Amino acid sequence: VLDAARPEALVVARNGSPQDGANRLKMSENAGGWSSLQTLDIYRLKLRTGAMGGGARDYSTLAELALQFHFPGEALAVIKKGMDAKLLNDARSQRLQAAAQAAATADAANMAKTLAVANAAHNGDALVTLGEDEWGNGKFADAISHIQAGIKKGVTAKDNAQIRLALAYFGADQKEAALHALAAVKTNPKWVQIAHLWTLYAKH
């Protein structure tokens, strides 16, 4: 996955420094493999930096990862971009789009129940996930509110939650708040690198 995602290329693209890119790649190798959720962030960055060099495969991978983590609104947006770029035009892509649409429809219909369950949960993980889903649907104010509430309640992966909060702030054009959230990612080495890549993206 690391080779396919090429995070060092993202750093070079945004920072202009091959050495910095090599250093980031070395950090990734030392920290071990990417998790599926971290891979999702890598592909999100690839999309935003114009680094989807894998063409249709990259768009499909990003959409499938978004669906895997129950973010159908984001998946639909990615599929649309792939179709607009004339890359996702086969039967498999159409099936992927139909699956994402069905999931998005169910997602919207169950939103009130999802929020109630998240509020009743013993920790804030579900609220953070809900906020990330809202981010993918362009509901940035709601995303910020729910992710903040989740963090306040307590989460099992604070670094991940801080990155989700940063993305919500980015969506709402609150760049400084986003950078502040990313600066709080300090524990897990792999999440630290993801936060660094998002920081480079924001600053350039």
C-alpha atoms as a PDB file:
ATOM      1  CA  VAL A   1       0.000   0.000   0.000  1.00  0.00           C
ATOM      2  CA  LEU A   2       2.813   2.374   0.833  1.00  0.00           C
ATOM      3  CA  ASP A   3       4.250   2.130  -2.679  1.00  0.00           C
ATOM      4  CA  ALA A   4       0.837   2.652  -4.275  1.00  0.00           C
ATOM      5  CA  ALA A   5       0.029   5.671  -2.108  1.00  0.00           C
ATOM      6  CA  ARG A   6       3.529   7.205  -2.406  1.00  0.00           C
ATOM      7  CA  PRO A   7       3.211   9.693   0.482  1.00  0.00           C
ATOM      8  CA  GLU A   8       6.713  10.987  -0.288  1.00  0.00           C
ATOM      9  CA  ALA A   9       5.432  12.239  -3.640  1.00  0.00           C
ATOM     10  CA  LEU A  10       2.731  14.196  -1.864  1.00  0.00           C
ATOM     11  CA  VAL A  11       5.299  15.873   0.360  1.00  0.00           C
ATOM     12  CA  VAL A  12       7.501  16.770  -2.613  1.00  0.00           C
ATOM     13  CA  ALA A  13       4.482  18.105  -4.509  1.00  0.00           C
ATOM     14  CA  ARG A  14       3.456  20.362  -1.667  1.00  0.00           C
ATOM     15  CA  ASN A  15       6.835  21.214  -0.133  1.00  0.00           C
ATOM     16  CA  GLY A  16       9.194  21.079  -3.109  1.00  0.00           C
ATOM     17  CA  SER A  17      11.850  19.170  -1.163  1.00  0.00           C
ATOM     18  CA  PRO A  18      12.882  15.692  -2.337  1.00  0.00           C
ATOM     19  CA  GLN A  19      14.887  15.173   0.852  1.00  0.00           C
ATOM     20  CA  ASP A  20      11.875  15.952   3.019  1.00  0.00           C
ATOM     21  CA  GLY A  21       9.889  13.489   0.917  1.00  0.00           C
ATOM     22  CA  ALA A  22      12.525  10.809   1.450  1.00  0.00           C
ATOM     23  CA  ASN A  23      12.506  11.480   5.190  1.00  0.00           C
ATOM     24  CA  ARG A  24       8.744  11.103   5.385  1.00  0.00           C
ATOM     25  CA  LEU A  25       8.919   7.836   3.469  1.00  0.00           C
ATOM     26  CA  LYS A  26      11.585   6.568   5.862  1.00  0.00           C
ATOM     27  CA  MET A  27       9.380   7.459   8.817  1.00  0.00           C
ATOM     28  CA  SER A  28       6.550   5.457   7.273  1.00  0.00           C
ATOM     29  CA  GLU A  29       8.776   2.443   6.715  1.00  0.00           C
ATOM     30  CA  ASN A  30      10.078   2.560  10.285  1.00  0.00           C
ATOM     31  CA  ALA A  31       6.569   2.858  11.697  1.00  0.00           C
ATOM     32  CA  GLY A  32       5.292  -0.182   9.792  1.00  0.00           C
ATOM     33  CA  GLY A  33       2.421  -0.608   7.349  1.00  0.00           C
ATOM     34  CA  TRP A  34      -0.520   1.712   6.916  1.00  0.00           C
ATOM     35  CA  SER A  35      -3.889   0.787   8.354  1.00  0.00           C
ATOM     36  CA  SER A  36      -6.892   0.882   6.029  1.00  0.00           C
ATOM     37  CA  LEU A  37      -8.062   4.150   7.585  1.00  0.00           C
ATOM     38  CA  GLN A  38      -4.634   5.716   7.133  1.00  0.00           C
ATOM     39  CA  THR A  39      -4.620   4.514   3.533  1.00  0.00           C
ATOM     40  CA  LEU A  40      -7.946   6.287   3.075  1.00  0.00           C
ATOM     41  CA  ASP A  41      -6.300   9.530   4.182  1.00  0.00           C
ATOM     42  CA  ILE A  42      -3.405   8.963   1.786  1.00  0.00           C
ATOM     43  CA  TYR A  43      -5.819   8.614  -1.123  1.00  0.00           C
ATOM     44  CA  ARG A  44      -7.746  11.671   0.031  1.00  0.00           C
ATOM     45  CA  LEU A  45      -4.498  13.608  -0.122  1.00  0.00           C
ATOM     46  CA  LYS A  46      -3.690  12.173  -3.540  1.00  0.00           C
ATOM     47  CA  LEU A  47      -7.035  13.405  -4.829  1.00  0.00           C
ATOM     48  CA  ARG A  48      -6.523  16.904  -3.442  1.00  0.00           C
ATOM     49  CA  THR A  49      -2.957  17.247  -4.713  1.00  0.00           C
ATOM     50  CA  GLY A  50      -3.659  15.971  -8.221  1.00  0.00           C
ATOM     51  CA  ALA A  51      -1.565  12.860  -7.572  1.00  0.00           C
ATOM     52  CA  MET A  52      -4.089  10.222  -8.650  1.00  0.00           C
ATOM     53  CA  GLY A  53      -1.492   8.697 -10.967  1.00  0.00           C
ATOM     54  CA  GLY A  54      -3.181   5.306 -10.868  1.00  0.00           C
ATOM     55  CA  GLY A  55      -6.126   6.677 -12.813  1.00  0.00           C
ATOM     56  CA  ALA A  56      -9.320   4.655 -12.546  1.00  0.00           C
ATOM     57  CA  ARG A  57      -7.760   2.308  -9.984  1.00  0.00           C
ATOM     58  CA  ASP A  58      -7.009   5.183  -7.612  1.00  0.00           C
ATOM     59  CA  TYR A  59     -10.522   6.619  -7.866  1.00  0.00           C
ATOM     60  CA  SER A  60     -12.069   3.190  -7.329  1.00  0.00           C
ATOM     61  CA  THR A  61      -9.800   2.471  -4.362  1.00  0.00           C
ATOM     62  CA  LEU A  62     -10.674   5.758  -2.695  1.00  0.00           C
ATOM     63  CA  ALA A  63     -14.402   5.244  -3.252  1.00  0.00           C
ATOM     64  CA  GLU A  64     -14.253   1.654  -2.002  1.00  0.00           C
ATOM     65  CA  LEU A  65     -12.335   2.665   1.130  1.00  0.00           C
ATOM     66  CA  ALA A  66     -14.860   5.415   1.834  1.00  0.00           C
ATOM     67  CA  LEU A  67     -17.677   2.869   1.514  1.00  0.00           C
ATOM     68  CA  GLN A  68     -15.794   0.400   3.722  1.00  0.00           C
ATOM     69  CA  PHE A  69     -15.772   2.956   6.521  1.00  0.00           C
ATOM     70  CA  HIS A  70     -19.417   3.932   5.888  1.00  0.00           C
ATOM     71  CA  PHE A  71     -18.837   7.307   4.239  1.00  0.00           C
ATOM     72  CA  PRO A  72     -21.114   6.912   1.191  1.00  0.00           C
ATOM     73  CA  GLY A  73     -21.470  10.624   0.507  1.00  0.00           C
ATOM     74  CA  GLU A  74     -17.724  10.917   0.097  1.00  0.00           C
ATOM     75  CA  ALA A  75     -17.695   7.787  -2.074  1.00  0.00           C
ATOM     76  CA  LEU A  76     -20.325   9.281  -4.391  1.00  0.00           C
ATOM     77  CA  ALA A  77     -18.356  12.512  -4.736  1.00  0.00           C
ATOM     78  CA  VAL A  78     -15.190  10.592  -5.610  1.00  0.00           C
ATOM     79  CA  ILE A  79     -17.006   8.440  -8.161  1.00  0.00           C
ATOM     80  CA  LYS A  80     -18.457  11.555  -9.778  1.00  0.00           C
ATOM     81  CA  LYS A  81     -14.978  13.070 -10.067  1.00  0.00           C
ATOM     82  CA  GLY A  82     -13.726   9.854 -11.652  1.00  0.00           C
ATOM     83  CA  MET A  83     -16.622   9.818 -14.107  1.00  0.00           C
ATOM     84  CA  ASP A  84     -16.163  13.495 -14.937  1.00  0.00           C
ATOM     85  CA  ALA A  85     -12.506  12.711 -15.683  1.00  0.00           C
ATOM     86  CA  LYS A  86     -13.694   9.956 -18.077  1.00  0.00           C
ATOM     87  CA  LEU A  87     -11.905   7.328 -15.982  1.00  0.00           C
ATOM     88  CA  LEU A  88     -14.799   5.507 -14.319  1.00  0.00           C
ATOM     89  CA  ASN A  89     -17.020   4.535 -17.212  1.00  0.00           C
ATOM     90  CA  ASP A  90     -17.301   0.751 -17.043  1.00  0.00           C
ATOM     91  CA  ALA A  91     -19.970  -1.546 -15.604  1.00  0.00           C
ATOM     92  CA  ARG A  92     -17.991  -2.089 -12.389  1.00  0.00           C
ATOM     93  CA  SER A  93     -17.892   1.661 -11.771  1.00  0.00           C
ATOM     94  CA  GLN A  94     -21.632   1.887 -12.338  1.00  0.00           C
ATOM     95  CA  ARG A  95     -22.210  -0.877  -9.797  1.00  0.00           C
ATOM     96  CA  LEU A  96     -19.964   0.941  -7.342  1.00  0.00           C
ATOM     97  CA  GLN A  97     -21.932   4.131  -7.885  1.00  0.00           C
ATOM     98  CA  ALA A  98     -25.238   2.301  -7.339  1.00  0.00           C
ATOM     99  CA  ALA A  99     -23.947   0.762  -4.106  1.00  0.00           C
ATOM    100  CA  ALA A 100     -22.743   4.142  -2.874  1.00  0.00           C
ATOM    101  CA  GLN A 101     -26.071   5.767  -3.753  1.00  0.00           C
ATOM    102  CA  ALA A 102     -28.036   3.094  -1.916  1.00  0.00           C
ATOM    103  CA  ALA A 103     -25.798   3.451   1.130  1.00  0.00           C
ATOM    104  CA  ALA A 104     -26.098   7.252   1.035  1.00  0.00           C
ATOM    105  CA  THR A 105     -29.889   7.046   0.880  1.00  0.00           C
ATOM    106  CA  ALA A 106     -29.971   4.683   3.856  1.00  0.00           C
ATOM    107  CA  ASP A 107     -27.451   6.882   5.661  1.00  0.00           C
ATOM    108  CA  ALA A 108     -29.670   9.944   5.301  1.00  0.00           C
ATOM    109  CA  ALA A 109     -32.802   8.051   6.354  1.00  0.00           C
ATOM    110  CA  ASN A 110     -31.137   6.730   9.509  1.00  0.00           C
ATOM    111  CA  MET A 111     -29.294   9.905  10.505  1.00  0.00           C
ATOM    112  CA  ALA A 112     -31.472  10.697  13.523  1.00  0.00           C
ATOM    113  CA  LYS A 113     -31.084   7.153  14.854  1.00  0.00           C
ATOM    114  CA  THR A 114     -27.345   7.188  14.180  1.00  0.00           C
ATOM    115  CA  LEU A 115     -26.969  10.418  16.142  1.00  0.00           C
ATOM    116  CA  ALA A 116     -29.017   9.080  19.044  1.00  0.00           C
ATOM    117  CA  VAL A 117     -26.916   5.912  19.221  1.00  0.00           C
ATOM    118  CA  ALA A 118     -23.704   7.945  19.039  1.00  0.00           C
ATOM    119  CA  ASN A 119     -24.859  10.251  21.835  1.00  0.00           C
ATOM    120  CA  ALA A 120     -25.768   7.264  24.004  1.00  0.00           C
ATOM    121  CA  ALA A 121     -22.473   5.445  23.458  1.00  0.00           C
ATOM    122  CA  HIS A 122     -20.044   5.106  26.358  1.00  0.00           C
ATOM    123  CA  ASN A 123     -17.311   6.962  24.454  1.00  0.00           C
ATOM    124  CA  GLY A 124     -17.085   9.472  21.624  1.00  0.00           C
ATOM    125  CA  ASP A 125     -15.863   7.193  18.823  1.00  0.00           C
ATOM    126  CA  ALA A 126     -19.250   7.010  17.108  1.00  0.00           C
ATOM    127  CA  LEU A 127     -19.641  10.791  17.239  1.00  0.00           C
ATOM    128  CA  VAL A 128     -16.256  11.213  15.559  1.00  0.00           C
ATOM    129  CA  THR A 129     -17.239   8.734  12.834  1.00  0.00           C
ATOM    130  CA  LEU A 130     -20.554  10.519  12.364  1.00  0.00           C
ATOM    131  CA  GLY A 131     -18.696  13.809  12.030  1.00  0.00           C
ATOM    132  CA  GLU A 132     -16.387  12.331   9.418  1.00  0.00           C
ATOM    133  CA  ASP A 133     -19.414  11.129   7.473  1.00  0.00           C
ATOM    134  CA  GLU A 134     -20.886  14.638   7.673  1.00  0.00           C
ATOM    135  CA  TRP A 135     -17.573  16.056   6.443  1.00  0.00           C
ATOM    136  CA  GLY A 136     -17.846  13.797   3.392  1.00  0.00           C
ATOM    137  CA  ASN A 137     -21.349  15.174   2.795  1.00  0.00           C
ATOM    138  CA  GLY A 138     -20.188  18.786   3.036  1.00  0.00           C
ATOM    139  CA  LYS A 139     -21.922  19.403   6.386  1.00  0.00           C
ATOM    140  CA  PHE A 140     -18.887  20.988   7.958  1.00  0.00           C
ATOM    141  CA  ALA A 141     -20.503  22.826  10.878  1.00  0.00           C
ATOM    142  CA  ASP A 142     -22.247  19.642  12.012  1.00  0.00           C
ATOM    143  CA  ALA A 143     -19.012  17.706  11.538  1.00  0.00           C
ATOM    144  CA  ILE A 144     -17.071  20.114  13.751  1.00  0.00           C
ATOM    145  CA  SER A 145     -19.758  20.030  16.442  1.00  0.00           C
ATOM    146  CA  HIS A 146     -20.021  16.236  16.599  1.00  0.00           C
ATOM    147  CA  ILE A 147     -16.291  15.555  16.417  1.00  0.00           C
ATOM    148  CA  GLN A 148     -15.646  18.079  19.175  1.00  0.00           C
ATOM    149  CA  ALA A 149     -18.345  16.426  21.280  1.00  0.00           C
ATOM    150  CA  GLY A 150     -16.807  13.034  20.628  1.00  0.00           C
ATOM    151  CA  ILE A 151     -13.338  14.169  21.674  1.00  0.00           C
ATOM    152  CA  LYS A 152     -14.738  15.775  24.811  1.00  0.00           C
ATOM    153  CA  LYS A 153     -16.544  12.539  25.672  1.00  0.00           C
ATOM    154  CA  GLY A 154     -13.349  10.538  25.234  1.00  0.00           C
ATOM    155  CA  VAL A 155     -12.108   8.504  22.281  1.00  0.00           C
ATOM    156  CA  THR A 156      -9.999   5.397  21.837  1.00  0.00           C
ATOM    157  CA  ALA A 157      -7.772   6.975  19.164  1.00  0.00           C
ATOM    158  CA  LYS A 158      -7.242  10.644  19.935  1.00  0.00           C
ATOM    159  CA  ASP A 159      -4.746  11.220  17.103  1.00  0.00           C
ATOM    160  CA  ASN A 160      -7.259   9.985  14.555  1.00  0.00           C
ATOM    161  CA  ALA A 161     -10.006  12.118  16.095  1.00  0.00           C
ATOM    162  CA  GLN A 162      -7.820  15.229  15.901  1.00  0.00           C
ATOM    163  CA  ILE A 163      -7.220  14.640  12.192  1.00  0.00           C
ATOM    164  CA  ARG A 164     -10.977  14.224  11.632  1.00  0.00           C
ATOM    165  CA  LEU A 165     -11.509  17.534  13.447  1.00  0.00           C
ATOM    166  CA  ALA A 166      -8.868  19.185  11.276  1.00  0.00           C
ATOM    167  CA  LEU A 167     -10.566  17.998   8.080  1.00  0.00           C
ATOM    168  CA  ALA A 168     -13.871  19.403   9.295  1.00  0.00           C
ATOM    169  CA  TYR A 169     -12.183  22.737   9.987  1.00  0.00           C
ATOM    170  CA  PHE A 170     -10.574  22.689   6.542  1.00  0.00           C
ATOM    171  CA  GLY A 171     -13.996  22.150   5.010  1.00  0.00           C
ATOM    172  CA  ALA A 172     -15.337  25.148   6.905  1.00  0.00           C
ATOM    173  CA  ASP A 173     -12.388  27.301   5.734  1.00  0.00           C
ATOM    174  CA  GLN A 174     -11.038  27.567   9.272  1.00  0.00           C
ATOM    175  CA  LYS A 175      -7.408  26.941   8.378  1.00  0.00           C
ATOM    176  CA  GLU A 176      -5.789  28.059  11.616  1.00  0.00           C
ATOM    177  CA  ALA A 177      -8.135  25.923  13.707  1.00  0.00           C
ATOM    178  CA  ALA A 178      -7.352  22.975  11.421  1.00  0.00           C
ATOM    179  CA  LEU A 179      -3.602  23.446  11.836  1.00  0.00           C
ATOM    180  CA  HIS A 180      -4.050  23.684  15.592  1.00  0.00           C
ATOM    181  CA  ALA A 181      -5.949  20.386  15.588  1.00  0.00           C
ATOM    182  CA  LEU A 182      -3.218  18.725  13.517  1.00  0.00           C
ATOM    183  CA  ALA A 183      -0.524  20.014  15.868  1.00  0.00           C
ATOM    184  CA  ALA A 184      -2.174  18.018  18.660  1.00  0.00           C
ATOM    185  CA  VAL A 185      -1.429  14.729  16.841  1.00  0.00           C
ATOM    186  CA  LYS A 186       1.639  13.551  18.742  1.00  0.00           C
ATOM    187  CA  THR A 187       1.320   9.939  19.891  1.00  0.00           C
ATOM    188  CA  ASN A 188       1.086   7.400  17.071  1.00  0.00           C
ATOM    189  CA  PRO A 189       3.989   7.759  14.573  1.00  0.00           C
ATOM    190  CA  LYS A 190       1.853   6.819  11.567  1.00  0.00           C
ATOM    191  CA  TRP A 191      -0.868   9.290  12.464  1.00  0.00           C
ATOM    192  CA  VAL A 192       1.819  11.914  13.093  1.00  0.00           C
ATOM    193  CA  GLN A 193       2.987  11.504   9.499  1.00  0.00           C
ATOM    194  CA  ILE A 194      -0.565  11.685   8.177  1.00  0.00           C
ATOM    195  CA  ALA A 195      -1.039  14.898  10.170  1.00  0.00           C
ATOM    196  CA  HIS A 196       2.210  16.247   8.739  1.00  0.00           C
ATOM    197  CA  LEU A 197       1.061  15.557   5.185  1.00  0.00           C
ATOM    198  CA  TRP A 198      -2.254  17.315   5.813  1.00  0.00           C
ATOM    199  CA  THR A 199      -0.318  20.225   7.352  1.00  0.00           C
ATOM    200  CA  LEU A 200       1.886  20.531   4.251  1.00  0.00           C
ATOM    201  CA  TYR A 201      -1.232  20.410   2.089  1.00  0.00           C
ATOM    202  CA  ALA A 202      -2.815  23.222   4.116  1.00  0.00           C
ATOM    203  CA  LYS A 203       0.268  25.434   4.113  1.00  0.00           C
ATOM    204  CA  HIS A 204       0.935  25.176   0.395  1.00  0.00           C
END
